[in-house]
Amino acid sequence: MYLSKFFNLIALKSKDPEVTNHTHGVFVEIKGKGILIIGKSGIGKSEVVLDLISRGHKLIADDSVSFYKNDKNKIIGKAPSLLKNLMEVRGLGILDIKKLFGRKSVALEQKLFLVIELKKFRKKLDCSRLEMTVNTFRLIDINIPKIEIPMTQTRHISLLIETAVKNYILLKNGPSTISHLSQKLNLQLSLDH
C-alpha cells in the first residue's frame, strides 16, 4: 500500500497517455497469462507473489497496476514506470525483484486474463466444494473472470493460485471436471439398472 500512496503523489505528473486505470493489487504472469491478485490491504498478496516468483512465475507490477485497453479491445497491465520491478513486503521493505531473482522473474506487461481475489476465510463464506466458482471483475468497460480464494494460515495460497489458473485454462478449453464426473455417474447408473 505504501508504494501506491507514493505513486499517487507522482500520478499527476505521468506522461503515459494510454493509461486509463490504476488498480490496487499485484499483477503477475503465470503460465504466460496475466493474473491480477487483489484483496484487502495486509491480507498477504505480496508474500504470496514472492512465493509465486520463487516458483518461476513473473512479477509485472506490485501495489499499483496501470491498465489500458489496446486496439483489440484487450486490457493490458504494466507497472508505473517509477515502480517497475519493485515490490513492497512488510518487514522487508521495498525490494528490487529483478536484482533479487534475476531478469526472468519480471515481465514488462501482459494481457489481463484472470483476477484472483484473496479473501479472509469465514465459515459462512459461500464457497463451492464441487467446482470452481467464476465471477466477474469490471475493469475499464470489460468484464474479466474472477475467482475468490479464501485464505487461512494453513492453506498454501500460491499453489492454490497456480492450480486455479491451470484449472481456468482447462475450463476455457472444454467441459469442467464436474461435468465429466456427472457423465460418468449417469453412465454408471444407467448400466446398473
Protein backbone atom coordinates (compact mmCIF):
# COMPACT_ATOMS: atom_id res chain seq x y z
CA MET A 1 0.00 0.00 0.00
CA TYR A 2 2.93 2.32 0.65
CA LEU A 3 4.01 2.18 -2.99
CA SER A 4 0.54 3.16 -4.22
CA LYS A 5 0.43 6.10 -1.79
CA PHE A 6 3.83 7.19 -3.08
CA PHE A 7 2.65 6.68 -6.64
CA ASN A 8 -0.43 8.86 -6.05
CA LEU A 9 1.91 11.76 -5.32
CA ILE A 10 3.51 11.47 -8.75
CA ALA A 11 0.50 10.24 -10.76
CA LEU A 12 -0.43 13.76 -11.81
CA LYS A 13 2.99 14.13 -13.46
CA SER A 14 2.54 10.91 -15.51
CA LYS A 15 3.17 11.38 -19.22
CA ASP A 16 1.68 7.99 -20.13
CA PRO A 17 -1.42 8.86 -22.23
CA GLU A 18 -2.52 5.27 -22.83
CA VAL A 19 -3.07 4.51 -19.13
CA THR A 20 -6.74 4.70 -18.29
CA ASN A 21 -6.93 2.98 -14.91
CA HIS A 22 -4.73 2.38 -11.86
CA THR A 23 -5.79 -0.61 -9.78
CA HIS A 24 -4.61 -1.69 -6.34
CA GLY A 25 -3.26 -5.25 -6.49
CA VAL A 26 -0.33 -7.33 -7.70
CA PHE A 27 -0.09 -8.25 -11.38
CA VAL A 28 1.85 -11.41 -12.23
CA GLU A 29 2.42 -13.70 -15.17
CA ILE A 30 1.52 -17.34 -14.52
CA LYS A 31 1.69 -19.88 -17.35
CA GLY A 32 2.06 -17.00 -19.82
CA LYS A 33 -1.18 -15.37 -18.60
CA GLY A 34 -1.68 -12.03 -16.84
CA ILE A 35 -3.19 -12.61 -13.39
CA LEU A 36 -4.30 -9.71 -11.16
CA ILE A 37 -4.26 -10.65 -7.47
CA ILE A 38 -6.46 -8.40 -5.35
CA GLY A 39 -7.58 -8.34 -1.73
CA LYS A 40 -7.72 -6.07 1.28
CA SER A 41 -4.53 -4.37 2.40
CA GLY A 42 -2.50 -6.66 4.68
CA ILE A 43 -4.10 -9.94 3.54
CA GLY A 44 -0.76 -11.22 2.20
CA LYS A 45 -0.76 -10.54 -1.54
CA SER A 46 2.94 -9.63 -1.67
CA GLU A 47 4.06 -12.67 0.33
CA VAL A 48 2.02 -14.96 -1.93
CA VAL A 49 3.53 -13.34 -5.02
CA LEU A 50 7.06 -13.74 -3.61
CA ASP A 51 6.34 -17.46 -3.37
CA LEU A 52 4.97 -17.48 -6.95
CA ILE A 53 8.15 -15.74 -8.16
CA SER A 54 10.30 -18.30 -6.35
CA ARG A 55 8.27 -20.98 -8.21
CA GLY A 56 9.26 -19.46 -11.58
CA HIS A 57 6.46 -17.01 -12.30
CA LYS A 58 6.95 -13.31 -13.13
CA LEU A 59 6.16 -10.03 -11.42
CA ILE A 60 4.69 -7.35 -13.65
CA ALA A 61 3.50 -4.77 -11.11
CA ASP A 62 3.05 -4.51 -7.35
CA ASP A 63 0.57 -2.36 -5.44
CA SER A 64 -0.44 -0.03 -8.29
CA VAL A 65 -1.09 -1.59 -11.70
CA SER A 66 -1.55 0.62 -14.77
CA PHE A 67 -4.14 -0.78 -17.18
CA TYR A 68 -5.11 0.37 -20.66
CA LYS A 69 -7.26 -1.01 -23.45
CA ASN A 70 -5.44 -1.83 -26.68
CA ASP A 71 -6.83 -1.61 -30.21
CA LYS A 72 -8.03 -5.25 -29.99
CA ASN A 73 -10.26 -4.35 -27.01
CA LYS A 74 -7.99 -6.28 -24.61
CA ILE A 75 -6.84 -4.91 -21.27
CA ILE A 76 -3.07 -4.69 -20.88
CA GLY A 77 -1.41 -4.18 -17.49
CA LYS A 78 2.03 -2.93 -16.54
CA ALA A 79 3.86 -1.22 -13.69
CA PRO A 80 4.00 2.56 -13.50
CA SER A 81 7.47 3.44 -14.83
CA LEU A 82 8.86 4.54 -11.44
CA LEU A 83 7.73 1.30 -9.77
CA LYS A 84 8.93 -1.19 -12.42
CA ASN A 85 10.49 -4.32 -10.85
CA LEU A 86 9.77 -3.04 -7.33
CA MET A 87 7.75 -4.76 -4.65
CA GLU A 88 6.89 -3.78 -1.09
CA VAL A 89 6.83 -6.55 1.51
CA ARG A 90 6.01 -5.74 5.12
CA GLY A 91 9.08 -6.31 7.29
CA LEU A 92 11.44 -6.45 4.30
CA GLY A 93 10.78 -3.03 2.77
CA ILE A 94 10.92 -2.23 -0.94
CA LEU A 95 12.60 -4.98 -2.95
CA ASP A 96 14.02 -4.93 -6.48
CA ILE A 97 12.71 -8.28 -7.75
CA LYS A 98 14.85 -8.26 -10.90
CA LYS A 99 18.05 -7.87 -8.84
CA LEU A 100 16.97 -10.45 -6.25
CA PHE A 101 15.61 -13.18 -8.57
CA GLY A 102 17.08 -12.34 -12.00
CA ARG A 103 15.72 -10.94 -15.25
CA LYS A 104 13.45 -13.94 -15.86
CA SER A 105 11.49 -13.07 -12.70
CA VAL A 106 9.90 -9.94 -14.20
CA ALA A 107 7.84 -9.04 -17.25
CA LEU A 108 7.11 -5.61 -18.71
CA GLU A 109 3.40 -6.06 -19.45
CA GLN A 110 0.75 -8.66 -20.13
CA LYS A 111 -2.85 -9.01 -21.24
CA LEU A 112 -5.20 -9.37 -18.25
CA PHE A 113 -6.55 -12.92 -18.30
CA LEU A 114 -7.94 -13.55 -14.81
CA VAL A 115 -8.47 -11.86 -11.45
CA ILE A 116 -7.84 -13.77 -8.20
CA GLU A 117 -9.35 -12.21 -5.09
CA LEU A 118 -7.87 -13.30 -1.77
CA LYS A 119 -10.47 -13.22 0.99
CA LYS A 120 -10.23 -13.85 4.70
CA PHE A 121 -11.66 -17.29 5.45
CA ARG A 122 -15.02 -17.30 7.22
CA LYS A 123 -17.14 -20.37 7.89
CA LYS A 124 -20.15 -18.65 6.31
CA LEU A 125 -18.21 -17.72 3.15
CA ASP A 126 -20.15 -19.07 0.20
CA CYS A 127 -17.65 -21.39 -1.45
CA SER A 128 -18.45 -24.38 -3.65
CA ARG A 129 -16.69 -27.62 -2.81
CA LEU A 130 -17.52 -29.36 -6.09
CA GLU A 131 -16.42 -26.86 -8.69
CA MET A 132 -14.63 -23.56 -9.04
CA THR A 133 -16.96 -20.56 -9.00
CA VAL A 134 -16.09 -17.92 -11.57
CA ASN A 135 -17.48 -14.42 -11.05
CA THR A 136 -16.62 -11.20 -12.89
CA PHE A 137 -14.50 -8.13 -12.16
CA ARG A 138 -15.27 -4.99 -14.17
CA LEU A 139 -12.23 -3.02 -15.31
CA ILE A 140 -12.41 -0.06 -17.67
CA ASP A 141 -15.54 -1.31 -19.51
CA ILE A 142 -14.76 -5.02 -19.79
CA ASN A 143 -15.80 -7.91 -17.54
CA ILE A 144 -12.83 -10.06 -16.52
CA PRO A 145 -13.32 -13.52 -14.95
CA LYS A 146 -12.65 -13.55 -11.19
CA ILE A 147 -12.02 -16.41 -8.77
CA GLU A 148 -12.16 -15.94 -4.99
CA ILE A 149 -9.78 -17.90 -2.78
CA PRO A 150 -10.40 -17.96 0.99
CA MET A 151 -7.17 -17.63 3.00
CA THR A 152 -6.10 -19.30 6.23
CA GLN A 153 -2.64 -19.76 7.70
CA THR A 154 -2.67 -23.45 6.83
CA ARG A 155 -3.53 -23.08 3.13
CA HIS A 156 -0.74 -22.96 0.54
CA ILE A 157 -2.16 -19.98 -1.37
CA SER A 158 0.45 -19.74 -4.16
CA LEU A 159 -0.18 -23.41 -5.02
CA LEU A 160 -3.94 -22.77 -4.99
CA ILE A 161 -3.49 -19.75 -7.29
CA GLU A 162 -1.36 -21.79 -9.73
CA THR A 163 -3.96 -24.55 -9.70
CA ALA A 164 -6.86 -22.10 -10.15
CA VAL A 165 -5.13 -20.58 -13.20
CA LYS A 166 -4.44 -24.01 -14.74
CA ASN A 167 -7.99 -25.16 -13.99
CA TYR A 168 -9.49 -21.99 -15.50
CA ILE A 169 -7.43 -22.54 -18.68
CA LEU A 170 -8.86 -26.09 -18.86
CA LEU A 171 -12.40 -24.74 -18.32
CA LYS A 172 -11.98 -22.33 -21.21
CA ASN A 173 -10.91 -25.21 -23.45
CA GLY A 174 -13.76 -27.60 -22.65
CA PRO A 175 -16.14 -29.14 -20.11
CA SER A 176 -15.35 -28.99 -16.40
CA THR A 177 -14.17 -31.90 -14.29
CA ILE A 178 -17.53 -31.96 -12.52
CA SER A 179 -19.27 -32.33 -15.92
CA HIS A 180 -17.07 -35.34 -16.74
CA LEU A 181 -17.79 -36.86 -13.33
CA SER A 182 -21.52 -36.29 -13.77
CA GLN A 183 -21.44 -38.01 -17.18
CA LYS A 184 -19.57 -40.98 -15.72
CA LEU A 185 -22.02 -41.24 -12.81
CA ASN A 186 -25.01 -41.11 -15.17
CA LEU A 187 -23.46 -43.78 -17.39
CA GLN A 188 -22.74 -45.98 -14.36
CA LEU A 189 -26.29 -45.54 -13.05
CA SER A 190 -27.77 -46.43 -16.44
CA LEU A 191 -25.60 -49.58 -16.64
CA ASP A 192 -26.57 -50.63 -13.12
CA HIS A 193 -30.28 -50.60 -13.96
